[in-house]
Amino acid sequence: MMSQFTPFVQIKEGSEPPPIFIAHGLSGTVQVGKLAKHIQTEHPIYGVQAKGIDGMEEPFDRLEDMASFYLQKLEELCPHGPYILIGYSFGGLVALEIAQRMLDKGESVAQLILLDAYPHPRHLALPQRMSLLATRVRSHFGNMRQMPLSKAMSFAFRAAKRRLRLGAPVIDSEGHLETPNSPFNKADLQRVKQKAFVAYANYRPRFYRGKINFVTTEIKSFFPKDPAAVWGKLAEGIQVEVIPGDHLNIVTTHFETLASVLTRVLNREAAAGADHAAVVKR
């Protein structure tokens, strides 16, 4: 039986090009419905879901393969670019690699927006890794101090086990966002997530020949304090927006704030693009 799976789910209709594509996180499912519907734009908005979540095909374990597949399907859906690419956490790396492949083909990217997305710690510079480790230790001890001893020990054991397995707190954040009423089989979703862990750990971002709009949070529990210190050397330009909350809740309890910022960024970049086009035309 052939799979009818499509990586794209239209979340919001719109008549203004270019379309917006929001890449999936580690879970592989589309979990940004509320966020997308609060973005004030006439662009159509699509969520991207992972190959394999329907159990009909093998999930990817390389982020490069994910991006290549999604770009192929994206061009079938909307043959004429450019596109606006957005990604939260692991999804930001997916969006980045799609953008990289578009530039490799000589195509333009309308906008690339990363939502608190970072490479695996193993791909950060040593001072950044040490600073990140200190931040995480403080966060873990802060949580443990508020727990009874037995729970604190259990918490510490789970944290150590996660670190030995992958070394990345994104596992927790993506798990926090799982949809309990998902139409997909839990075993299939777990396989997709396990493959995504491998892809995340092995993906080293290359230099991006364009501008990154980056949204981060005021509370830093897991990730580097200064996104520009990470991405500034990996892109031609970066503009950072800071919103309330932490990594776990910017697309859940703080989705309205995030949607407002995304609306402003989309409008600002569109206006800048129009001004540039007018200057070139003259």
C-alpha atoms as a PDB file:
ATOM      1  CA  MET A   1       0.000   0.000   0.000  1.00  0.00           C
ATOM      2  CA  MET A   2       1.408   3.367  -1.013  1.00  0.00           C
ATOM      3  CA  SER A   3       1.620   6.110   1.589  1.00  0.00           C
ATOM      4  CA  GLN A   4      -0.502   9.210   1.096  1.00  0.00           C
ATOM      5  CA  PHE A   5       1.768  11.077   3.468  1.00  0.00           C
ATOM      6  CA  THR A   6       2.572  14.705   2.771  1.00  0.00           C
ATOM      7  CA  PRO A   7       5.105  16.687   4.809  1.00  0.00           C
ATOM      8  CA  PHE A   8       2.927  19.800   4.658  1.00  0.00           C
ATOM      9  CA  VAL A   9      -0.143  20.708   6.675  1.00  0.00           C
ATOM     10  CA  GLN A  10      -1.818  24.015   5.849  1.00  0.00           C
ATOM     11  CA  ILE A  11      -2.499  25.803   9.110  1.00  0.00           C
ATOM     12  CA  LYS A  12      -3.680  29.158   7.823  1.00  0.00           C
ATOM     13  CA  GLU A  13      -4.932  30.292   4.439  1.00  0.00           C
ATOM     14  CA  GLY A  14      -3.571  33.365   2.729  1.00  0.00           C
ATOM     15  CA  SER A  15      -3.352  35.002  -0.658  1.00  0.00           C
ATOM     16  CA  GLU A  16      -0.090  36.941  -0.390  1.00  0.00           C
ATOM     17  CA  PRO A  17       3.178  35.363  -1.538  1.00  0.00           C
ATOM     18  CA  PRO A  18       5.590  34.077  -0.433  1.00  0.00           C
ATOM     19  CA  PRO A  19       4.226  31.177   1.647  1.00  0.00           C
ATOM     20  CA  ILE A  20       5.481  30.520   5.180  1.00  0.00           C
ATOM     21  CA  PHE A  21       6.752  27.072   6.174  1.00  0.00           C
ATOM     22  CA  ILE A  22       7.304  26.229   9.856  1.00  0.00           C
ATOM     23  CA  ALA A  23       9.564  23.193  10.297  1.00  0.00           C
ATOM     24  CA  HIS A  24       8.850  20.425  12.809  1.00  0.00           C
ATOM     25  CA  GLY A  25      10.811  19.815  15.995  1.00  0.00           C
ATOM     26  CA  LEU A  26      12.254  16.554  17.315  1.00  0.00           C
ATOM     27  CA  SER A  27       8.794  15.031  17.709  1.00  0.00           C
ATOM     28  CA  GLY A  28       8.185  15.328  13.963  1.00  0.00           C
ATOM     29  CA  THR A  29       4.622  16.581  14.315  1.00  0.00           C
ATOM     30  CA  VAL A  30       3.090  19.986  13.615  1.00  0.00           C
ATOM     31  CA  GLN A  31       2.635  21.660  17.007  1.00  0.00           C
ATOM     32  CA  VAL A  32       2.411  25.352  16.129  1.00  0.00           C
ATOM     33  CA  GLY A  33      -1.259  25.653  15.200  1.00  0.00           C
ATOM     34  CA  LYS A  34      -2.159  28.265  17.822  1.00  0.00           C
ATOM     35  CA  LEU A  35       0.996  30.227  17.133  1.00  0.00           C
ATOM     36  CA  ALA A  36       0.458  30.286  13.360  1.00  0.00           C
ATOM     37  CA  LYS A  37      -3.159  31.375  13.622  1.00  0.00           C
ATOM     38  CA  HIS A  38      -2.138  34.404  15.703  1.00  0.00           C
ATOM     39  CA  ILE A  39       0.461  35.640  13.216  1.00  0.00           C
ATOM     40  CA  GLN A  40      -1.143  38.642  11.544  1.00  0.00           C
ATOM     41  CA  THR A  41      -0.236  38.090   7.917  1.00  0.00           C
ATOM     42  CA  GLU A  42      -1.834  37.391   4.566  1.00  0.00           C
ATOM     43  CA  HIS A  43       0.824  34.797   3.740  1.00  0.00           C
ATOM     44  CA  PRO A  44      -0.425  31.183   3.715  1.00  0.00           C
ATOM     45  CA  ILE A  45       1.196  29.223   6.550  1.00  0.00           C
ATOM     46  CA  TYR A  46       2.144  25.544   6.390  1.00  0.00           C
ATOM     47  CA  GLY A  47       3.514  23.269   9.069  1.00  0.00           C
ATOM     48  CA  VAL A  48       6.152  20.706   8.088  1.00  0.00           C
ATOM     49  CA  GLN A  49       5.857  17.209   9.549  1.00  0.00           C
ATOM     50  CA  ALA A  50       8.480  14.478   9.504  1.00  0.00           C
ATOM     51  CA  LYS A  51       8.693  11.589   7.098  1.00  0.00           C
ATOM     52  CA  GLY A  52       7.869   8.358   8.919  1.00  0.00           C
ATOM     53  CA  ILE A  53       5.358   9.616  11.471  1.00  0.00           C
ATOM     54  CA  ASP A  54       2.649   7.637   9.672  1.00  0.00           C
ATOM     55  CA  GLY A  55       4.680   4.432  10.013  1.00  0.00           C
ATOM     56  CA  MET A  56       4.735   3.893   6.257  1.00  0.00           C
ATOM     57  CA  GLU A  57       8.303   5.000   5.569  1.00  0.00           C
ATOM     58  CA  GLU A  58      11.655   5.025   7.334  1.00  0.00           C
ATOM     59  CA  PRO A  59      12.404   8.316   9.162  1.00  0.00           C
ATOM     60  CA  PHE A  60      15.527  10.265   8.291  1.00  0.00           C
ATOM     61  CA  ASP A  61      18.498  10.188  10.639  1.00  0.00           C
ATOM     62  CA  ARG A  62      20.427  12.934   8.796  1.00  0.00           C
ATOM     63  CA  LEU A  63      19.244  16.512   8.856  1.00  0.00           C
ATOM     64  CA  GLU A  64      20.698  17.071   5.388  1.00  0.00           C
ATOM     65  CA  ASP A  65      18.432  14.317   4.023  1.00  0.00           C
ATOM     66  CA  MET A  66      15.410  15.849   5.748  1.00  0.00           C
ATOM     67  CA  ALA A  67      16.085  19.234   4.177  1.00  0.00           C
ATOM     68  CA  SER A  68      16.643  17.779   0.715  1.00  0.00           C
ATOM     69  CA  PHE A  69      13.383  15.823   0.885  1.00  0.00           C
ATOM     70  CA  TYR A  70      11.344  18.763   2.206  1.00  0.00           C
ATOM     71  CA  LEU A  71      12.755  21.136  -0.399  1.00  0.00           C
ATOM     72  CA  GLN A  72      11.863  18.709  -3.184  1.00  0.00           C
ATOM     73  CA  LYS A  73       8.305  18.385  -1.877  1.00  0.00           C
ATOM     74  CA  LEU A  74       8.112  22.123  -1.225  1.00  0.00           C
ATOM     75  CA  GLU A  75       8.950  22.871  -4.853  1.00  0.00           C
ATOM     76  CA  GLU A  76       6.252  20.422  -5.944  1.00  0.00           C
ATOM     77  CA  LEU A  77       3.705  22.201  -3.754  1.00  0.00           C
ATOM     78  CA  CYS A  78       4.809  25.756  -4.598  1.00  0.00           C
ATOM     79  CA  PRO A  79       7.053  25.622  -7.686  1.00  0.00           C
ATOM     80  CA  HIS A  80       7.980  29.275  -7.619  1.00  0.00           C
ATOM     81  CA  GLY A  81       9.914  30.643  -4.621  1.00  0.00           C
ATOM     82  CA  PRO A  82      11.138  32.364  -2.639  1.00  0.00           C
ATOM     83  CA  TYR A  83       9.781  31.057   0.662  1.00  0.00           C
ATOM     84  CA  ILE A  84       9.685  32.214   4.273  1.00  0.00           C
ATOM     85  CA  LEU A  85      11.223  29.561   6.531  1.00  0.00           C
ATOM     86  CA  ILE A  86      10.668  29.390  10.295  1.00  0.00           C
ATOM     87  CA  GLY A  87      11.772  26.776  12.811  1.00  0.00           C
ATOM     88  CA  TYR A  88      11.600  26.331  16.570  1.00  0.00           C
ATOM     89  CA  SER A  89      14.443  24.550  18.396  1.00  0.00           C
ATOM     90  CA  PHE A  90      15.487  21.521  16.291  1.00  0.00           C
ATOM     91  CA  GLY A  91      13.116  22.807  13.605  1.00  0.00           C
ATOM     92  CA  GLY A  92      15.285  25.905  13.290  1.00  0.00           C
ATOM     93  CA  LEU A  93      18.157  23.715  12.100  1.00  0.00           C
ATOM     94  CA  VAL A  94      15.816  22.041   9.597  1.00  0.00           C
ATOM     95  CA  ALA A  95      14.733  25.453   8.285  1.00  0.00           C
ATOM     96  CA  LEU A  96      18.357  26.594   8.122  1.00  0.00           C
ATOM     97  CA  GLU A  97      19.457  23.614   6.048  1.00  0.00           C
ATOM     98  CA  ILE A  98      16.512  24.049   3.654  1.00  0.00           C
ATOM     99  CA  ALA A  99      17.590  27.673   3.219  1.00  0.00           C
ATOM    100  CA  GLN A 100      21.189  26.572   2.630  1.00  0.00           C
ATOM    101  CA  ARG A 101      20.098  24.222  -0.126  1.00  0.00           C
ATOM    102  CA  MET A 102      17.997  26.910  -1.757  1.00  0.00           C
ATOM    103  CA  LEU A 103      21.008  29.221  -1.889  1.00  0.00           C
ATOM    104  CA  ASP A 104      23.150  26.360  -3.250  1.00  0.00           C
ATOM    105  CA  LYS A 105      20.690  26.103  -6.152  1.00  0.00           C
ATOM    106  CA  GLY A 106      20.905  29.823  -6.839  1.00  0.00           C
ATOM    107  CA  GLU A 107      17.460  30.547  -5.386  1.00  0.00           C
ATOM    108  CA  SER A 108      16.648  33.306  -2.917  1.00  0.00           C
ATOM    109  CA  VAL A 109      15.219  32.943   0.590  1.00  0.00           C
ATOM    110  CA  ALA A 110      12.638  35.566   1.464  1.00  0.00           C
ATOM    111  CA  GLN A 111      13.209  35.253   5.226  1.00  0.00           C
ATOM    112  CA  LEU A 112      14.802  32.804   7.655  1.00  0.00           C
ATOM    113  CA  ILE A 113      13.553  33.009  11.239  1.00  0.00           C
ATOM    114  CA  LEU A 114      15.002  30.793  13.976  1.00  0.00           C
ATOM    115  CA  LEU A 115      13.097  30.441  17.244  1.00  0.00           C
ATOM    116  CA  ASP A 116      15.546  29.648  20.057  1.00  0.00           C
ATOM    117  CA  ALA A 117      17.405  27.170  17.832  1.00  0.00           C
ATOM    118  CA  TYR A 118      21.000  26.136  18.468  1.00  0.00           C
ATOM    119  CA  PRO A 119      23.442  23.493  17.240  1.00  0.00           C
ATOM    120  CA  HIS A 120      24.204  20.515  19.441  1.00  0.00           C
ATOM    121  CA  PRO A 121      26.633  21.583  22.221  1.00  0.00           C
ATOM    122  CA  ARG A 122      29.404  19.453  20.720  1.00  0.00           C
ATOM    123  CA  HIS A 123      29.490  21.874  17.779  1.00  0.00           C
ATOM    124  CA  LEU A 124      29.887  24.989  19.928  1.00  0.00           C
ATOM    125  CA  ALA A 125      33.220  26.616  20.724  1.00  0.00           C
ATOM    126  CA  LEU A 126      34.831  25.462  23.977  1.00  0.00           C
ATOM    127  CA  PRO A 127      34.109  28.703  25.931  1.00  0.00           C
ATOM    128  CA  GLN A 128      30.463  28.462  24.847  1.00  0.00           C
ATOM    129  CA  ARG A 129      30.261  24.822  25.926  1.00  0.00           C
ATOM    130  CA  MET A 130      31.728  25.625  29.336  1.00  0.00           C
ATOM    131  CA  SER A 131      29.363  28.558  29.835  1.00  0.00           C
ATOM    132  CA  LEU A 132      26.429  26.406  28.758  1.00  0.00           C
ATOM    133  CA  LEU A 133      27.424  23.641  31.166  1.00  0.00           C
ATOM    134  CA  ALA A 134      27.549  26.141  34.031  1.00  0.00           C
ATOM    135  CA  THR A 135      24.094  27.469  33.112  1.00  0.00           C
ATOM    136  CA  ARG A 136      22.618  23.976  33.052  1.00  0.00           C
ATOM    137  CA  VAL A 137      24.224  22.968  36.351  1.00  0.00           C
ATOM    138  CA  ARG A 138      22.785  26.081  38.036  1.00  0.00           C
ATOM    139  CA  SER A 139      19.373  25.320  36.535  1.00  0.00           C
ATOM    140  CA  HIS A 140      19.466  21.688  37.716  1.00  0.00           C
ATOM    141  CA  PHE A 141      20.548  22.606  41.245  1.00  0.00           C
ATOM    142  CA  GLY A 142      17.900  25.314  41.402  1.00  0.00           C
ATOM    143  CA  ASN A 143      15.234  22.746  40.531  1.00  0.00           C
ATOM    144  CA  MET A 144      16.623  20.140  42.927  1.00  0.00           C
ATOM    145  CA  ARG A 145      16.651  22.545  45.885  1.00  0.00           C
ATOM    146  CA  GLN A 146      12.871  22.785  45.636  1.00  0.00           C
ATOM    147  CA  MET A 147      12.349  19.001  45.711  1.00  0.00           C
ATOM    148  CA  PRO A 148      12.295  16.386  48.461  1.00  0.00           C
ATOM    149  CA  LEU A 149      15.576  14.440  48.634  1.00  0.00           C
ATOM    150  CA  SER A 150      14.222  11.304  46.935  1.00  0.00           C
ATOM    151  CA  LYS A 151      12.816  13.277  44.008  1.00  0.00           C
ATOM    152  CA  ALA A 152      15.963  15.371  43.773  1.00  0.00           C
ATOM    153  CA  MET A 153      18.104  12.238  43.458  1.00  0.00           C
ATOM    154  CA  SER A 154      15.796  10.828  40.803  1.00  0.00           C
ATOM    155  CA  PHE A 155      15.905  14.129  38.927  1.00  0.00           C
ATOM    156  CA  ALA A 156      19.726  14.142  39.034  1.00  0.00           C
ATOM    157  CA  PHE A 157      19.883  10.556  37.746  1.00  0.00           C
ATOM    158  CA  ARG A 158      17.575  11.298  34.816  1.00  0.00           C
ATOM    159  CA  ALA A 159      19.563  14.422  33.959  1.00  0.00           C
ATOM    160  CA  ALA A 160      22.830  12.475  33.969  1.00  0.00           C
ATOM    161  CA  LYS A 161      21.301   9.719  31.835  1.00  0.00           C
ATOM    162  CA  ARG A 162      20.086  12.267  29.263  1.00  0.00           C
ATOM    163  CA  ARG A 163      23.511  13.859  29.159  1.00  0.00           C
ATOM    164  CA  LEU A 164      25.240  10.539  28.539  1.00  0.00           C
ATOM    165  CA  ARG A 165      22.778   9.726  25.776  1.00  0.00           C
ATOM    166  CA  LEU A 166      22.780  13.002  23.920  1.00  0.00           C
ATOM    167  CA  GLY A 167      23.933  15.908  26.014  1.00  0.00           C
ATOM    168  CA  ALA A 168      21.035  18.128  24.972  1.00  0.00           C
ATOM    169  CA  PRO A 169      18.033  19.459  26.900  1.00  0.00           C
ATOM    170  CA  VAL A 170      16.028  19.787  23.710  1.00  0.00           C
ATOM    171  CA  ILE A 171      14.765  16.277  24.450  1.00  0.00           C
ATOM    172  CA  ASP A 172      12.829  17.654  27.399  1.00  0.00           C
ATOM    173  CA  SER A 173      11.535  20.710  25.603  1.00  0.00           C
ATOM    174  CA  GLU A 174      10.248  18.826  22.582  1.00  0.00           C
ATOM    175  CA  GLY A 175       8.704  16.163  24.810  1.00  0.00           C
ATOM    176  CA  HIS A 176       6.952  18.893  26.770  1.00  0.00           C
ATOM    177  CA  LEU A 177       5.165  19.918  23.597  1.00  0.00           C
ATOM    178  CA  GLU A 178       3.871  16.527  22.533  1.00  0.00           C
ATOM    179  CA  THR A 179       0.217  16.443  21.517  1.00  0.00           C
ATOM    180  CA  PRO A 180      -1.695  13.854  23.602  1.00  0.00           C
ATOM    181  CA  ASN A 181      -4.385  13.368  20.939  1.00  0.00           C
ATOM    182  CA  SER A 182      -1.987  12.752  18.057  1.00  0.00           C
ATOM    183  CA  PRO A 183      -3.495  10.651  15.230  1.00  0.00           C
ATOM    184  CA  PHE A 184      -0.148   8.886  14.800  1.00  0.00           C
ATOM    185  CA  ASN A 185       1.043   5.702  16.482  1.00  0.00           C
ATOM    186  CA  LYS A 186       3.218   6.284  19.552  1.00  0.00           C
ATOM    187  CA  ALA A 187       5.799   3.736  18.439  1.00  0.00           C
ATOM    188  CA  ASP A 188       6.139   5.465  15.061  1.00  0.00           C
ATOM    189  CA  LEU A 189       6.497   8.858  16.725  1.00  0.00           C
ATOM    190  CA  GLN A 190       9.140   7.493  19.097  1.00  0.00           C
ATOM    191  CA  ARG A 191      11.115   6.104  16.161  1.00  0.00           C
ATOM    192  CA  VAL A 192      10.939   9.471  14.396  1.00  0.00           C
ATOM    193  CA  LYS A 193      12.165  11.204  17.552  1.00  0.00           C
ATOM    194  CA  GLN A 194      15.031   8.761  18.074  1.00  0.00           C
ATOM    195  CA  LYS A 195      16.193   9.301  14.488  1.00  0.00           C
ATOM    196  CA  ALA A 196      15.891  13.063  14.947  1.00  0.00           C
ATOM    197  CA  PHE A 197      18.126  12.864  18.046  1.00  0.00           C
ATOM    198  CA  VAL A 198      20.816  11.276  15.888  1.00  0.00           C
ATOM    199  CA  ALA A 199      20.367  13.913  13.178  1.00  0.00           C
ATOM    200  CA  TYR A 200      20.577  16.724  15.728  1.00  0.00           C
ATOM    201  CA  ALA A 201      23.729  15.400  17.374  1.00  0.00           C
ATOM    202  CA  ASN A 202      25.535  14.958  14.053  1.00  0.00           C
ATOM    203  CA  TYR A 203      24.502  18.164  12.274  1.00  0.00           C
ATOM    204  CA  ARG A 204      27.154  20.876  12.096  1.00  0.00           C
ATOM    205  CA  PRO A 205      25.752  24.111  10.597  1.00  0.00           C
ATOM    206  CA  ARG A 206      27.804  25.681   7.828  1.00  0.00           C
ATOM    207  CA  PHE A 207      28.105  29.380   7.112  1.00  0.00           C
ATOM    208  CA  TYR A 208      24.813  30.873   5.914  1.00  0.00           C
ATOM    209  CA  ARG A 209      25.121  33.472   3.160  1.00  0.00           C
ATOM    210  CA  GLY A 210      22.184  35.517   4.336  1.00  0.00           C
ATOM    211  CA  LYS A 211      20.474  37.130   7.312  1.00  0.00           C
ATOM    212  CA  ILE A 212      19.020  35.239  10.261  1.00  0.00           C
ATOM    213  CA  ASN A 213      16.214  36.748  12.307  1.00  0.00           C
ATOM    214  CA  PHE A 214      16.529  35.107  15.715  1.00  0.00           C
ATOM    215  CA  VAL A 215      13.948  35.059  18.521  1.00  0.00           C
ATOM    216  CA  THR A 216      15.150  34.095  21.988  1.00  0.00           C
ATOM    217  CA  THR A 217      13.831  34.208  25.549  1.00  0.00           C
ATOM    218  CA  GLU A 218      14.550  36.274  28.637  1.00  0.00           C
ATOM    219  CA  ILE A 219      15.001  33.182  30.828  1.00  0.00           C
ATOM    220  CA  LYS A 220      18.044  31.080  29.918  1.00  0.00           C
ATOM    221  CA  SER A 221      17.686  27.616  31.430  1.00  0.00           C
ATOM    222  CA  PHE A 222      19.271  25.413  28.781  1.00  0.00           C
ATOM    223  CA  PHE A 223      20.826  27.380  25.949  1.00  0.00           C
ATOM    224  CA  PRO A 224      23.575  29.977  25.376  1.00  0.00           C
ATOM    225  CA  LYS A 225      22.892  33.420  26.804  1.00  0.00           C
ATOM    226  CA  ASP A 226      23.852  35.289  23.650  1.00  0.00           C
ATOM    227  CA  PRO A 227      22.595  33.802  20.360  1.00  0.00           C
ATOM    228  CA  ALA A 228      24.722  36.285  18.412  1.00  0.00           C
ATOM    229  CA  ALA A 229      27.841  34.712  19.929  1.00  0.00           C
ATOM    230  CA  VAL A 230      26.807  31.399  18.357  1.00  0.00           C
ATOM    231  CA  TRP A 231      25.231  32.485  15.084  1.00  0.00           C
ATOM    232  CA  GLY A 232      27.150  35.703  14.442  1.00  0.00           C
ATOM    233  CA  LYS A 233      30.052  33.715  12.972  1.00  0.00           C
ATOM    234  CA  LEU A 234      27.729  31.397  11.057  1.00  0.00           C
ATOM    235  CA  ALA A 235      25.735  33.974   9.072  1.00  0.00           C
ATOM    236  CA  GLU A 236      26.221  37.164   7.114  1.00  0.00           C
ATOM    237  CA  GLY A 237      23.876  38.923   9.507  1.00  0.00           C
ATOM    238  CA  ILE A 238      21.724  38.294  12.558  1.00  0.00           C
ATOM    239  CA  GLN A 239      19.022  40.336  14.261  1.00  0.00           C
ATOM    240  CA  VAL A 240      17.902  39.173  17.698  1.00  0.00           C
ATOM    241  CA  GLU A 241      14.487  39.681  19.299  1.00  0.00           C
ATOM    242  CA  VAL A 242      13.930  38.837  22.981  1.00  0.00           C
ATOM    243  CA  ILE A 243      10.558  37.791  24.387  1.00  0.00           C
ATOM    244  CA  PRO A 244       9.357  36.819  27.906  1.00  0.00           C
ATOM    245  CA  GLY A 245       9.395  33.193  29.039  1.00  0.00           C
ATOM    246  CA  ASP A 246      11.805  30.336  28.548  1.00  0.00           C
ATOM    247  CA  HIS A 247      12.561  27.806  25.835  1.00  0.00           C
ATOM    248  CA  LEU A 248       9.805  25.429  26.937  1.00  0.00           C
ATOM    249  CA  ASN A 249       6.896  27.844  26.702  1.00  0.00           C
ATOM    250  CA  ILE A 250       7.514  30.317  23.874  1.00  0.00           C
ATOM    251  CA  VAL A 251       5.258  28.375  21.505  1.00  0.00           C
ATOM    252  CA  THR A 252       2.762  27.330  24.205  1.00  0.00           C
ATOM    253  CA  THR A 253       1.803  29.732  27.002  1.00  0.00           C
ATOM    254  CA  HIS A 254       3.641  32.658  25.368  1.00  0.00           C
ATOM    255  CA  PHE A 255       2.542  31.950  21.805  1.00  0.00           C
ATOM    256  CA  GLU A 256       0.607  35.231  21.512  1.00  0.00           C
ATOM    257  CA  THR A 257       3.704  37.244  22.388  1.00  0.00           C
ATOM    258  CA  LEU A 258       5.766  35.213  19.939  1.00  0.00           C
ATOM    259  CA  ALA A 259       3.127  35.648  17.226  1.00  0.00           C
ATOM    260  CA  SER A 260       3.222  39.416  17.757  1.00  0.00           C
ATOM    261  CA  VAL A 261       7.007  39.468  17.367  1.00  0.00           C
ATOM    262  CA  LEU A 262       6.843  37.271  14.265  1.00  0.00           C
ATOM    263  CA  THR A 263       4.236  39.581  12.755  1.00  0.00           C
ATOM    264  CA  ARG A 264       6.537  42.553  13.323  1.00  0.00           C
ATOM    265  CA  VAL A 265       9.583  40.734  11.917  1.00  0.00           C
ATOM    266  CA  LEU A 266       7.695  39.562   8.836  1.00  0.00           C
ATOM    267  CA  ASN A 267       6.361  43.056   8.125  1.00  0.00           C
ATOM    268  CA  ARG A 268       9.739  44.687   8.763  1.00  0.00           C
ATOM    269  CA  GLU A 269      11.637  42.358   6.467  1.00  0.00           C
ATOM    270  CA  ALA A 270       8.958  42.609   3.768  1.00  0.00           C
ATOM    271  CA  ALA A 271       9.181  46.415   3.882  1.00  0.00           C
ATOM    272  CA  ALA A 272      12.983  46.264   3.725  1.00  0.00           C
ATOM    273  CA  GLY A 273      12.775  43.953   0.731  1.00  0.00           C
ATOM    274  CA  ALA A 274      10.346  46.271  -1.033  1.00  0.00           C
ATOM    275  CA  ASP A 275      12.601  49.268  -0.411  1.00  0.00           C
ATOM    276  CA  HIS A 276      15.593  47.362  -1.771  1.00  0.00           C
ATOM    277  CA  ALA A 277      13.660  46.345  -4.875  1.00  0.00           C
ATOM    278  CA  ALA A 278      12.617  49.961  -5.461  1.00  0.00           C
ATOM    279  CA  VAL A 279      16.224  51.160  -5.204  1.00  0.00           C
ATOM    280  CA  VAL A 280      17.429  48.478  -7.642  1.00  0.00           C
ATOM    281  CA  LYS A 281      14.630  49.349 -10.070  1.00  0.00           C
ATOM    282  CA  ARG A 282      15.604  53.031 -10.049  1.00  0.00           C
END
